[in-house]
Amino acid sequence: MSLEVGVIMSRLSSAGNILLIRNKNLFTLKGHSPIVAPEKLTSFWTHKPRPNACVLKTHLLTNNTAQTLSGSHHSTRCSWANLKKLLPKKVGDLKSIRIAFVGDSRVRDLYSFLWSIMSGEPFDPRPLHHDLKYFSGPPNNVKLQDFYWIPFPDESVKHLTRQWCEAAEEEVPHVVVYGTGAHYIWSYGQGGVKNFTAALDLVALHFKELSARTNVVWLPILPIMRSKPTQRKGSNDHRLSPTAERYGRRFAKVALSNGLFLWESAYQVARTHLERYRDNVHMGTQLLSLVICQLTSAIDSGSCRGGF
């Protein structure tokens, strides 16, 4: 096995699915250091029924899935072999589901790529540093909950989550995807890790409160390289930014310590396929396809209430 997995236990109780993660090598590929220290890796995450949430198949966003992504040809799993056939169907099932994306340019890419598949419009990777709201009229009639440009873990996150905590049910997203870190790394470098962690701790409290109403998914800090990658598989490891990896470990610890769900398999496929980045920071379209397939596979669209 290429992935070192500790213990993942899932049980059904009257409160819902309780996922106990004791993974001694979280985010670990053979030959690489774990993104979270083993002694910090015990976390409870409870998926209780929420007033406005879809059922989220969390096992499809964890390490277990990453193992099948590049090697399996199973028709219901995301793999390079079946993406072109599988992805449009999975995305098509979500046209009435409210998915909100909050964060920086790498989160924006996920939002824009998902929108391009839903609407049939070309993917737009331009660096648009502002909120986005897309809507398609007939015949597609697609509405995707907005992208919120909040690249730093600051008060803007608090205000947004507070709005959703107090909003009417039909105004709350079914799923919220949050990612941050890249801009903090560029702005403050290695010396900013402590302040980043403190700011993220506060943000986590607000998302924890929001998770009582809907599904909150934290996108890990994906790999950042110090120079543009080559297209040869396995040739880019030396380009990885150690500072970004350090921030990523802190991000993961904060998520787990606050009981927030961490989208581990997104990091796994990005780390494994650095050659499929379009630059040293952003995933290319093939990687975006695979990661969006993970997300859309995990959302049980039939369980969602109050669509558009």
Foldseek 3Di string as FASTA:
>chain_A
DQDQFDDWDWDQDPQGIKIWGQGQQFLDGPPDHRLAHNVLTTFIAGQGDAPFAFQFQQVLLGPVLLVCADPPPPQLHHHLVNLVPHLLVLLCLCQQAEEEEEAALQSVQLVQLSVCSQAVNDRDSDRDQAKDWDADDPPRGGGYHIYGRDQALDVVLLVVLVCLLPDDSLVHGNEYEYEYDPVQCVVPNLVCLVVRLVSVLVSLVSVLSSSNHHAYEYEFQAWFFQWFDALDFPPGPVRTDVRSSNSRNSNVSSCRVSNHHYSRSLNNVCVRRVSQDPTRRYGHPSSSSSSSSSRSSRGPSVRGPNTD
